[in-house]
């Protein structure tokens, strides 16, 4: 997706560490690292957003939320 002339890419990630068990949709801008992630937390049964940069465009988050809900699927409680 391109927002304000900047291209963003989305990829899946999984995480199994203390208090962080689930799947994530990460948003990257080039090789700079993740901009944010939307995480499906299977321990708390909640979706969580973590911003790794300031001033993330709202249009980007609005675009990503329905994709994350679709791609990350249902909770997989322990």
Protein backbone atom coordinates (compact mmCIF):
# COMPACT_ATOMS: atom_id res chain seq x y z
CA UNK A 1 0.00 0.00 0.00
CA UNK A 2 1.20 3.52 -0.77
CA UNK A 3 0.30 6.39 1.60
CA UNK A 4 1.59 9.92 1.04
CA UNK A 5 4.07 8.58 -1.52
CA UNK A 6 5.56 5.97 0.83
CA UNK A 7 5.20 2.24 0.10
CA UNK A 8 4.32 -0.04 3.02
CA UNK A 9 4.45 -3.84 3.01
CA UNK A 10 2.62 -6.33 5.24
CA UNK A 11 3.89 -9.69 6.48
CA UNK A 12 2.84 -12.32 9.01
CA UNK A 13 4.79 -13.17 12.13
CA UNK A 14 4.25 -15.46 15.09
CA UNK A 15 5.37 -14.99 18.64
CA UNK A 16 5.58 -17.38 21.56
CA UNK A 17 7.26 -15.70 24.52
CA UNK A 18 6.10 -15.03 28.06
CA UNK A 19 2.82 -13.10 27.83
CA UNK A 20 2.95 -12.85 24.04
CA UNK A 21 1.50 -15.93 22.35
CA UNK A 22 -0.24 -15.48 19.02
CA UNK A 23 0.06 -14.18 15.48
CA UNK A 24 0.82 -10.75 14.11
CA UNK A 25 0.46 -8.76 10.94
CA UNK A 26 3.47 -6.48 10.69
CA UNK A 27 3.67 -3.34 8.58
CA UNK A 28 7.11 -2.50 7.20
CA UNK A 29 8.51 0.48 5.35
CA UNK A 30 11.43 -0.84 3.31
CA UNK A 31 14.36 -2.23 5.28
CA UNK A 32 13.89 0.18 8.19
CA UNK A 33 12.03 -2.33 10.29
CA UNK A 34 8.43 -2.60 11.39
CA UNK A 35 6.26 0.52 11.59
CA UNK A 36 3.55 -1.23 13.62
CA UNK A 37 2.05 -4.62 14.29
CA UNK A 38 -1.48 -5.82 14.88
CA UNK A 39 -1.23 -8.80 17.22
CA UNK A 40 -3.78 -11.53 17.91
CA UNK A 41 -2.98 -12.37 21.54
CA UNK A 42 -4.14 -15.91 22.23
CA UNK A 43 -3.49 -15.57 25.97
CA UNK A 44 -5.68 -12.50 26.52
CA UNK A 45 -8.05 -13.17 23.58
CA UNK A 46 -7.58 -9.58 22.36
CA UNK A 47 -6.24 -7.85 19.28
CA UNK A 48 -3.51 -5.34 20.14
CA UNK A 49 -1.74 -2.65 18.11
CA UNK A 50 1.87 -1.74 18.84
CA UNK A 51 3.36 1.31 17.14
CA UNK A 52 7.13 1.24 16.58
CA UNK A 53 7.22 4.72 15.00
CA UNK A 54 5.51 8.00 15.76
CA UNK A 55 3.00 9.64 13.45
CA UNK A 56 1.69 6.51 11.72
CA UNK A 57 -0.86 7.63 9.08
CA UNK A 58 -4.43 6.87 10.15
CA UNK A 59 -5.23 5.73 6.58
CA UNK A 60 -2.62 3.00 6.96
CA UNK A 61 -4.11 1.72 10.22
CA UNK A 62 -7.64 1.84 8.81
CA UNK A 63 -6.45 -0.19 5.83
CA UNK A 64 -4.61 -2.75 7.98
CA UNK A 65 -7.22 -3.51 10.67
CA UNK A 66 -9.71 -5.45 8.49
CA UNK A 67 -6.85 -7.27 6.77
CA UNK A 68 -5.44 -8.31 10.15
CA UNK A 69 -8.82 -9.55 11.40
CA UNK A 70 -9.22 -11.63 8.24
CA UNK A 71 -5.68 -13.01 7.93
CA UNK A 72 -4.97 -13.65 11.61
CA UNK A 73 -8.15 -15.65 12.04
CA UNK A 74 -9.85 -16.79 15.21
CA UNK A 75 -8.20 -16.99 18.60
CA UNK A 76 -6.39 -20.20 19.49
CA UNK A 77 -6.59 -20.25 23.30
CA UNK A 78 -4.06 -22.35 25.14
